[in-house]
C-alpha atoms as a PDB file:
ATOM      1  CA  MET A   1       0.416  19.300  -9.277  1.00  0.00           C
ATOM      2  CA  ASN A   2      -1.164  18.060  -6.055  1.00  0.00           C
ATOM      3  CA  ILE A   3       1.106  17.027  -3.199  1.00  0.00           C
ATOM      4  CA  TYR A   4       0.708  16.540   0.535  1.00  0.00           C
ATOM      5  CA  ILE A   5       2.740  18.735   2.876  1.00  0.00           C
ATOM      6  CA  ASN A   6       2.624  17.773   6.552  1.00  0.00           C
ATOM      7  CA  GLY A   7      -0.590  15.861   5.888  1.00  0.00           C
ATOM      8  CA  GLU A   8      -2.419  18.638   4.009  1.00  0.00           C
ATOM      9  CA  GLN A   9      -3.112  18.508   0.287  1.00  0.00           C
ATOM     10  CA  GLN A  10      -1.655  21.488  -1.567  1.00  0.00           C
ATOM     11  CA  GLN A  11      -1.066  22.659  -5.117  1.00  0.00           C
ATOM     12  CA  THR A  12       2.489  23.514  -6.134  1.00  0.00           C
ATOM     13  CA  GLU A  13       4.395  24.661  -9.170  1.00  0.00           C
ATOM     14  CA  CYS A  14       7.743  23.740  -7.534  1.00  0.00           C
ATOM     15  CA  ARG A  15       9.805  21.271  -9.525  1.00  0.00           C
ATOM     16  CA  ASN A  16      12.168  20.153  -6.764  1.00  0.00           C
ATOM     17  CA  LEU A  17      12.463  20.125  -2.988  1.00  0.00           C
ATOM     18  CA  LEU A  18      14.820  23.102  -2.833  1.00  0.00           C
ATOM     19  CA  GLU A  19      12.230  25.329  -4.518  1.00  0.00           C
ATOM     20  CA  LEU A  20       9.625  24.101  -2.055  1.00  0.00           C
ATOM     21  CA  VAL A  21      11.834  24.773   0.981  1.00  0.00           C
ATOM     22  CA  GLN A  22      12.676  28.243  -0.338  1.00  0.00           C
ATOM     23  CA  GLY A  23       8.955  28.976  -0.446  1.00  0.00           C
ATOM     24  CA  PHE A  24       8.772  28.302   3.297  1.00  0.00           C
ATOM     25  CA  ALA A  25      11.766  30.620   3.980  1.00  0.00           C
ATOM     26  CA  LEU A  26      13.639  27.894   5.884  1.00  0.00           C
ATOM     27  CA  GLU A  27      17.072  28.442   4.358  1.00  0.00           C
ATOM     28  CA  GLY A  28      19.680  28.988   7.047  1.00  0.00           C
ATOM     29  CA  LYS A  29      17.437  27.372   9.669  1.00  0.00           C
ATOM     30  CA  ARG A  30      17.472  23.885  11.130  1.00  0.00           C
ATOM     31  CA  TYR A  31      15.004  21.648   9.331  1.00  0.00           C
ATOM     32  CA  ALA A  32      14.556  18.166   7.899  1.00  0.00           C
ATOM     33  CA  VAL A  33      12.664  17.030   4.799  1.00  0.00           C
ATOM     34  CA  GLU A  34      11.095  13.629   4.282  1.00  0.00           C
ATOM     35  CA  VAL A  35       9.475  12.456   1.034  1.00  0.00           C
ATOM     36  CA  ASN A  36       7.345   9.323   1.039  1.00  0.00           C
ATOM     37  CA  GLU A  37       8.918   8.209   4.344  1.00  0.00           C
ATOM     38  CA  MET A  38      12.507   8.780   3.135  1.00  0.00           C
ATOM     39  CA  ILE A  39      14.709  11.484   4.666  1.00  0.00           C
ATOM     40  CA  ILE A  40      16.364  13.635   2.005  1.00  0.00           C
ATOM     41  CA  PRO A  41      19.732  15.238   2.874  1.00  0.00           C
ATOM     42  CA  LYS A  42      19.862  19.011   2.393  1.00  0.00           C
ATOM     43  CA  SER A  43      22.667  18.516  -0.126  1.00  0.00           C
ATOM     44  CA  ARG A  44      20.219  16.626  -2.405  1.00  0.00           C
ATOM     45  CA  LEU A  45      17.184  18.934  -2.248  1.00  0.00           C
ATOM     46  CA  ALA A  46      17.927  20.636  -5.582  1.00  0.00           C
ATOM     47  CA  GLU A  47      18.254  17.327  -7.412  1.00  0.00           C
ATOM     48  CA  THR A  48      15.203  15.673  -5.837  1.00  0.00           C
ATOM     49  CA  PRO A  49      12.121  16.203  -8.037  1.00  0.00           C
ATOM     50  CA  ILE A  50       8.610  16.582  -6.693  1.00  0.00           C
ATOM     51  CA  CYS A  51       6.058  14.204  -8.199  1.00  0.00           C
ATOM     52  CA  GLU A  52       2.277  14.119  -8.200  1.00  0.00           C
ATOM     53  CA  ALA A  53       0.807  12.901  -4.878  1.00  0.00           C
ATOM     54  CA  ASP A  54       4.168  12.955  -3.037  1.00  0.00           C
ATOM     55  CA  LYS A  55       3.820  12.985   0.735  1.00  0.00           C
ATOM     56  CA  ILE A  56       6.299  15.535   2.062  1.00  0.00           C
ATOM     57  CA  GLU A  57       7.017  16.249   5.707  1.00  0.00           C
ATOM     58  CA  ILE A  58       8.983  19.375   6.601  1.00  0.00           C
ATOM     59  CA  ILE A  59      10.057  19.645  10.210  1.00  0.00           C
ATOM     60  CA  HIS A  60      11.938  22.623  11.573  1.00  0.00           C
ATOM     61  CA  ALA A  61      13.506  23.146  14.977  1.00  0.00           C
ATOM     62  CA  VAL A  62      12.180  25.895  17.192  1.00  0.00           C
ATOM     63  CA  GLY A  63      14.438  27.169  19.966  1.00  0.00           C
ATOM     64  CA  GLY A  64      13.184  27.925  23.417  1.00  0.00           C
ATOM     65  CA  GLY A  65      14.174  28.048  26.971  1.00  0.00           C
END
């Protein structure tokens, strides 16, 4: 299906947000996920399905000094 991730159209076979996040290797890191302008808690990623044309924003914190 076609979705938008951080503004770019992409194809995915992922069925839910947890699968998508795992593909970006963000587990254990600080990040936030927004779908169609709604923030999704990490505890609900596995139960949140991905649908055609969803607009997903994934933001992760980068440390620095």
